[in-house]
Amino acid sequence: TEFLLVPYFGACIHVPPPPSNQIVHVKSE
């Protein structure tokens, strides 16, 4: 219900995070 939206698969997990202007912090009920 709370996650980061990134432009490509594996970002922050398998490869380093993209720049902060390429990440959206999302909350959802």
All heavy atoms as atom14 arrays in JSON, in Angstrom:
{
  "sequence": "TEFLLVPYFGACIHVPPPPSNQIVHVKSE",
  "atom14_mask": [
    [1, 1, 1, 1, 1, 1, 1, 0, 0, 0, 0, 0, 0, 0],
    [1, 1, 1, 1, 1, 1, 1, 1, 1, 0, 0, 0, 0, 0],
    [1, 1, 1, 1, 1, 1, 1, 1, 1, 1, 1, 0, 0, 0],
    [1, 1, 1, 1, 1, 1, 1, 1, 0, 0, 0, 0, 0, 0],
    [1, 1, 1, 1, 1, 1, 1, 1, 0, 0, 0, 0, 0, 0],
    [1, 1, 1, 1, 1, 1, 1, 0, 0, 0, 0, 0, 0, 0],
    [1, 1, 1, 1, 1, 1, 1, 0, 0, 0, 0, 0, 0, 0],
    [1, 1, 1, 1, 1, 1, 1, 1, 1, 1, 1, 1, 0, 0],
    [1, 1, 1, 1, 1, 1, 1, 1, 1, 1, 1, 0, 0, 0],
    [1, 1, 1, 1, 0, 0, 0, 0, 0, 0, 0, 0, 0, 0],
    [1, 1, 1, 1, 1, 0, 0, 0, 0, 0, 0, 0, 0, 0],
    [1, 1, 1, 1, 1, 1, 0, 0, 0, 0, 0, 0, 0, 0],
    [1, 1, 1, 1, 1, 1, 1, 1, 0, 0, 0, 0, 0, 0],
    [1, 1, 1, 1, 1, 1, 1, 1, 1, 1, 0, 0, 0, 0],
    [1, 1, 1, 1, 1, 1, 1, 0, 0, 0, 0, 0, 0, 0],
    [1, 1, 1, 1, 1, 1, 1, 0, 0, 0, 0, 0, 0, 0],
    [1, 1, 1, 1, 1, 1, 1, 0, 0, 0, 0, 0, 0, 0],
    [1, 1, 1, 1, 1, 1, 1, 0, 0, 0, 0, 0, 0, 0],
    [1, 1, 1, 1, 1, 1, 1, 0, 0, 0, 0, 0, 0, 0],
    [1, 1, 1, 1, 1, 1, 0, 0, 0, 0, 0, 0, 0, 0],
    [1, 1, 1, 1, 1, 1, 1, 1, 0, 0, 0, 0, 0, 0],
    [1, 1, 1, 1, 1, 1, 1, 1, 1, 0, 0, 0, 0, 0],
    [1, 1, 1, 1, 1, 1, 1, 1, 0, 0, 0, 0, 0, 0],
    [1, 1, 1, 1, 1, 1, 1, 0, 0, 0, 0, 0, 0, 0],
    [1, 1, 1, 1, 1, 1, 1, 1, 1, 1, 0, 0, 0, 0],
    [1, 1, 1, 1, 1, 1, 1, 0, 0, 0, 0, 0, 0, 0],
    [1, 1, 1, 1, 1, 1, 1, 1, 1, 0, 0, 0, 0, 0],
    [1, 1, 1, 1, 1, 1, 0, 0, 0, 0, 0, 0, 0, 0],
    [1, 1, 1, 1, 1, 1, 1, 1, 1, 0, 0, 0, 0, 0]
  ],
  "atom14_positions": [
    [[0.81, -1.21, 0.0], [0.0, 0.0, 0.0], [0.85, 1.27, 0.0], [0.33, 2.37, -0.09], [-0.92, 0.02, 1.23], [-0.12, -0.14, 2.42], [-1.93, -1.13, 1.17], [0.0, 0.0, 0.0], [0.0, 0.0, 0.0], [0.0, 0.0, 0.0], [0.0, 0.0, 0.0], [0.0, 0.0, 0.0], [0.0, 0.0, 0.0], [0.0, 0.0, 0.0]],
    [[2.15, 1.09, 0.09], [3.09, 2.21, 0.02], [4.31, 1.73, -0.76], [4.93, 0.73, -0.39], [3.48, 2.71, 1.41], [4.37, 3.94, 1.39], [4.62, 4.49, 2.8], [4.02, 3.97, 3.76], [5.43, 5.43, 2.92], [0.0, 0.0, 0.0], [0.0, 0.0, 0.0], [0.0, 0.0, 0.0], [0.0, 0.0, 0.0], [0.0, 0.0, 0.0]],
    [[4.63, 2.43, -1.83], [5.68, 1.92, -2.71], [6.33, 3.06, -3.49], [5.84, 4.21, -3.5], [5.13, 0.88, -3.68], [3.93, 1.34, -4.48], [4.09, 2.02, -5.68], [2.64, 1.08, -4.04], [3.01, 2.44, -6.42], [1.54, 1.51, -4.78], [1.72, 2.19, -5.97], [0.0, 0.0, 0.0], [0.0, 0.0, 0.0], [0.0, 0.0, 0.0]],
    [[7.45, 2.73, -4.14], [8.12, 3.65, -5.05], [7.76, 3.25, -6.48], [7.79, 2.07, -6.82], [9.64, 3.59, -4.87], [10.18, 3.92, -3.47], [11.69, 3.81, -3.44], [9.73, 5.31, -3.01], [0.0, 0.0, 0.0], [0.0, 0.0, 0.0], [0.0, 0.0, 0.0], [0.0, 0.0, 0.0], [0.0, 0.0, 0.0], [0.0, 0.0, 0.0]],
    [[7.42, 4.23, -7.28], [7.18, 4.0, -8.69], [8.42, 4.44, -9.46], [8.89, 5.57, -9.31], [5.96, 4.79, -9.17], [5.48, 4.46, -10.59], [4.87, 3.06, -10.62], [4.47, 5.5, -11.08], [0.0, 0.0, 0.0], [0.0, 0.0, 0.0], [0.0, 0.0, 0.0], [0.0, 0.0, 0.0], [0.0, 0.0, 0.0], [0.0, 0.0, 0.0]],
    [[8.98, 3.53, -10.27], [10.23, 3.78, -10.99], [10.02, 3.48, -12.48], [9.1, 2.75, -12.85], [11.38, 2.91, -10.43], [11.71, 3.33, -8.99], [11.01, 1.43, -10.45], [0.0, 0.0, 0.0], [0.0, 0.0, 0.0], [0.0, 0.0, 0.0], [0.0, 0.0, 0.0], [0.0, 0.0, 0.0], [0.0, 0.0, 0.0], [0.0, 0.0, 0.0]],
    [[10.89, 4.03, -13.35], [10.66, 3.9, -14.79], [11.08, 2.58, -15.41], [10.69, 2.29, -16.54], [11.47, 5.06, -15.38], [12.54, 5.32, -14.38], [11.94, 5.01, -13.04], [0.0, 0.0, 0.0], [0.0, 0.0, 0.0], [0.0, 0.0, 0.0], [0.0, 0.0, 0.0], [0.0, 0.0, 0.0], [0.0, 0.0, 0.0], [0.0, 0.0, 0.0]],
    [[11.89, 1.77, -14.71], [12.32, 0.5, -15.3], [12.38, -0.58, -14.24], [12.53, -0.32, -13.04], [13.67, 0.65, -16.02], [14.74, 1.35, -15.21], [15.54, 0.66, -14.31], [14.94, 2.72, -15.36], [16.51, 1.31, -13.57], [15.91, 3.38, -14.63], [16.7, 2.67, -13.74], [17.67, 3.32, -13.0], [0.0, 0.0, 0.0], [0.0, 0.0, 0.0]],
    [[12.26, -1.81, -14.71], [12.2, -2.96, -13.8], [13.55, -3.19, -13.11], [14.6, -3.06, -13.72], [11.81, -4.22, -14.58], [11.7, -5.44, -13.72], [10.59, -5.64, -12.93], [12.72, -6.39, -13.7], [10.47, -6.77, -12.13], [12.62, -7.52, -12.91], [11.5, -7.71, -12.12], [0.0, 0.0, 0.0], [0.0, 0.0, 0.0], [0.0, 0.0, 0.0]],
    [[13.49, -3.52, -11.82], [14.69, -3.85, -11.06], [15.33, -2.69, -10.35], [16.25, -2.89, -9.54], [0.0, 0.0, 0.0], [0.0, 0.0, 0.0], [0.0, 0.0, 0.0], [0.0, 0.0, 0.0], [0.0, 0.0, 0.0], [0.0, 0.0, 0.0], [0.0, 0.0, 0.0], [0.0, 0.0, 0.0], [0.0, 0.0, 0.0], [0.0, 0.0, 0.0]],
    [[14.88, -1.45, -10.62], [15.44, -0.29, -9.95], [15.26, -0.4, -8.44], [14.2, -0.82, -7.97], [14.81, 0.99, -10.48], [0.0, 0.0, 0.0], [0.0, 0.0, 0.0], [0.0, 0.0, 0.0], [0.0, 0.0, 0.0], [0.0, 0.0, 0.0], [0.0, 0.0, 0.0], [0.0, 0.0, 0.0], [0.0, 0.0, 0.0], [0.0, 0.0, 0.0]],
    [[16.3, -0.05, -7.7], [16.32, -0.07, -6.23], [16.46, -1.48, -5.66], [16.71, -1.64, -4.47], [15.08, 0.56, -5.62], [14.74, 2.24, -6.19], [0.0, 0.0, 0.0], [0.0, 0.0, 0.0], [0.0, 0.0, 0.0], [0.0, 0.0, 0.0], [0.0, 0.0, 0.0], [0.0, 0.0, 0.0], [0.0, 0.0, 0.0], [0.0, 0.0, 0.0]],
    [[16.3, -2.51, -6.5], [16.4, -3.89, -6.03], [17.6, -4.59, -6.67], [18.5, -5.07, -5.98], [15.11, -4.68, -6.35], [13.91, -3.98, -5.71], [15.23, -6.11, -5.85], [13.94, -3.93, -4.2], [0.0, 0.0, 0.0], [0.0, 0.0, 0.0], [0.0, 0.0, 0.0], [0.0, 0.0, 0.0], [0.0, 0.0, 0.0], [0.0, 0.0, 0.0]],
    [[17.6, -4.67, -7.99], [18.68, -5.35, -8.71], [19.74, -4.39, -9.24], [20.88, -4.78, -9.46], [18.1, -6.19, -9.86], [17.08, -7.19, -9.41], [17.37, -8.17, -8.49], [15.78, -7.35, -9.75], [16.29, -8.91, -8.29], [15.32, -8.43, -9.03], [0.0, 0.0, 0.0], [0.0, 0.0, 0.0], [0.0, 0.0, 0.0], [0.0, 0.0, 0.0]],
    [[19.34, -3.16, -9.48], [20.28, -2.12, -9.93], [20.07, -0.9, -9.04], [19.02, -0.76, -8.4], [20.06, -1.76, -11.41], [20.37, -2.96, -12.31], [18.65, -1.26, -11.66], [0.0, 0.0, 0.0], [0.0, 0.0, 0.0], [0.0, 0.0, 0.0], [0.0, 0.0, 0.0], [0.0, 0.0, 0.0], [0.0, 0.0, 0.0], [0.0, 0.0, 0.0]],
    [[21.05, 0.01, -8.96], [20.93, 1.18, -8.08], [19.7, 2.03, -8.39], [19.19, 2.02, -9.52], [22.23, 1.95, -8.34], [23.2, 0.92, -8.82], [22.38, -0.05, -9.61], [0.0, 0.0, 0.0], [0.0, 0.0, 0.0], [0.0, 0.0, 0.0], [0.0, 0.0, 0.0], [0.0, 0.0, 0.0], [0.0, 0.0, 0.0], [0.0, 0.0, 0.0]],
    [[19.23, 2.79, -7.42], [18.06, 3.66, -7.65], [18.36, 4.72, -8.69], [19.48, 5.23, -8.78], [17.81, 4.29, -6.27], [18.52, 3.42, -5.3], [19.7, 2.85, -6.03], [0.0, 0.0, 0.0], [0.0, 0.0, 0.0], [0.0, 0.0, 0.0], [0.0, 0.0, 0.0], [0.0, 0.0, 0.0], [0.0, 0.0, 0.0], [0.0, 0.0, 0.0]],
    [[17.37, 5.09, -9.48], [17.55, 6.21, -10.43], [17.59, 7.53, -9.67], [17.37, 7.56, -8.45], [16.31, 6.1, -11.32], [15.29, 5.42, -10.47], [16.04, 4.49, -9.58], [0.0, 0.0, 0.0], [0.0, 0.0, 0.0], [0.0, 0.0, 0.0], [0.0, 0.0, 0.0], [0.0, 0.0, 0.0], [0.0, 0.0, 0.0], [0.0, 0.0, 0.0]],
    [[17.86, 8.64, -10.34], [17.81, 9.95, -9.67], [16.46, 10.19, -9.02], [15.44, 9.63, -9.43], [18.08, 10.94, -10.83], [18.85, 10.14, -11.84], [18.29, 8.74, -11.75], [0.0, 0.0, 0.0], [0.0, 0.0, 0.0], [0.0, 0.0, 0.0], [0.0, 0.0, 0.0], [0.0, 0.0, 0.0], [0.0, 0.0, 0.0], [0.0, 0.0, 0.0]],
    [[16.45, 11.04, -8.01], [15.22, 11.25, -7.24], [14.09, 11.83, -8.08], [12.91, 11.62, -7.75], [15.51, 12.17, -6.05], [16.05, 13.41, -6.49], [0.0, 0.0, 0.0], [0.0, 0.0, 0.0], [0.0, 0.0, 0.0], [0.0, 0.0, 0.0], [0.0, 0.0, 0.0], [0.0, 0.0, 0.0], [0.0, 0.0, 0.0], [0.0, 0.0, 0.0]],
    [[14.4, 12.55, -9.15], [13.33, 13.08, -10.0], [12.76, 12.02, -10.96], [11.91, 12.32, -11.78], [13.79, 14.3, -10.79], [14.99, 14.02, -11.68], [15.37, 12.86, -11.9], [15.6, 15.08, -12.18], [0.0, 0.0, 0.0], [0.0, 0.0, 0.0], [0.0, 0.0, 0.0], [0.0, 0.0, 0.0], [0.0, 0.0, 0.0], [0.0, 0.0, 0.0]],
    [[13.25, 10.79, -10.81], [12.72, 9.66, -11.57], [12.1, 8.62, -10.63], [11.97, 7.45, -10.98], [13.82, 9.01, -12.41], [14.39, 9.92, -13.48], [13.38, 10.19, -14.59], [13.21, 9.39, -15.5], [12.7, 11.34, -14.52], [0.0, 0.0, 0.0], [0.0, 0.0, 0.0], [0.0, 0.0, 0.0], [0.0, 0.0, 0.0], [0.0, 0.0, 0.0]],
    [[11.7, 9.07, -9.44], [11.06, 8.21, -8.45], [9.86, 8.95, -7.86], [9.96, 10.13, -7.5], [12.03, 7.82, -7.32], [13.25, 7.08, -7.88], [11.32, 6.95, -6.29], [14.26, 6.7, -6.82], [0.0, 0.0, 0.0], [0.0, 0.0, 0.0], [0.0, 0.0, 0.0], [0.0, 0.0, 0.0], [0.0, 0.0, 0.0], [0.0, 0.0, 0.0]],
    [[8.74, 8.24, -7.76], [7.54, 8.8, -7.14], [7.17, 7.93, -5.95], [7.02, 6.71, -6.08], [6.35, 8.85, -8.13], [5.14, 9.49, -7.46], [6.74, 9.62, -9.38], [0.0, 0.0, 0.0], [0.0, 0.0, 0.0], [0.0, 0.0, 0.0], [0.0, 0.0, 0.0], [0.0, 0.0, 0.0], [0.0, 0.0, 0.0], [0.0, 0.0, 0.0]],
    [[7.03, 8.56, -4.8], [6.6, 7.87, -3.58], [5.07, 7.84, -3.57], [4.43, 8.88, -3.49], [7.13, 8.61, -2.36], [6.92, 7.87, -1.08], [7.62, 8.15, 0.07], [6.08, 6.85, -0.73], [7.24, 7.35, 1.05], [6.29, 6.56, 0.57], [0.0, 0.0, 0.0], [0.0, 0.0, 0.0], [0.0, 0.0, 0.0], [0.0, 0.0, 0.0]],
    [[4.5, 6.63, -3.67], [3.05, 6.48, -3.84], [2.44, 5.81, -2.62], [3.0, 4.86, -2.07], [2.73, 5.65, -5.1], [1.22, 5.55, -5.3], [3.38, 6.28, -6.33], [0.0, 0.0, 0.0], [0.0, 0.0, 0.0], [0.0, 0.0, 0.0], [0.0, 0.0, 0.0], [0.0, 0.0, 0.0], [0.0, 0.0, 0.0], [0.0, 0.0, 0.0]],
    [[1.25, 6.3, -2.23], [0.46, 5.67, -1.18], [-0.9, 5.32, -1.76], [-1.48, 6.08, -2.53], [0.3, 6.58, 0.03], [1.62, 6.86, 0.76], [1.4, 7.75, 1.97], [2.72, 8.03, 2.69], [2.53, 8.91, 3.87], [0.0, 0.0, 0.0], [0.0, 0.0, 0.0], [0.0, 0.0, 0.0], [0.0, 0.0, 0.0], [0.0, 0.0, 0.0]],
    [[-1.42, 4.14, -1.37], [-2.69, 3.66, -1.9], [-3.45, 2.92, -0.82], [-2.87, 2.17, -0.04], [-2.45, 2.74, -3.1], [-3.63, 2.06, -3.48], [0.0, 0.0, 0.0], [0.0, 0.0, 0.0], [0.0, 0.0, 0.0], [0.0, 0.0, 0.0], [0.0, 0.0, 0.0], [0.0, 0.0, 0.0], [0.0, 0.0, 0.0], [0.0, 0.0, 0.0]],
    [[-4.77, 3.14, -0.76], [-5.58, 2.43, 0.22], [-5.77, 0.96, -0.17], [-5.76, 0.08, 0.69], [-6.94, 3.12, 0.36], [-6.88, 4.52, 0.95], [-8.25, 5.12, 1.14], [-9.24, 4.43, 0.79], [-8.34, 6.25, 1.63], [0.0, 0.0, 0.0], [0.0, 0.0, 0.0], [0.0, 0.0, 0.0], [0.0, 0.0, 0.0], [0.0, 0.0, 0.0]]
  ]
}
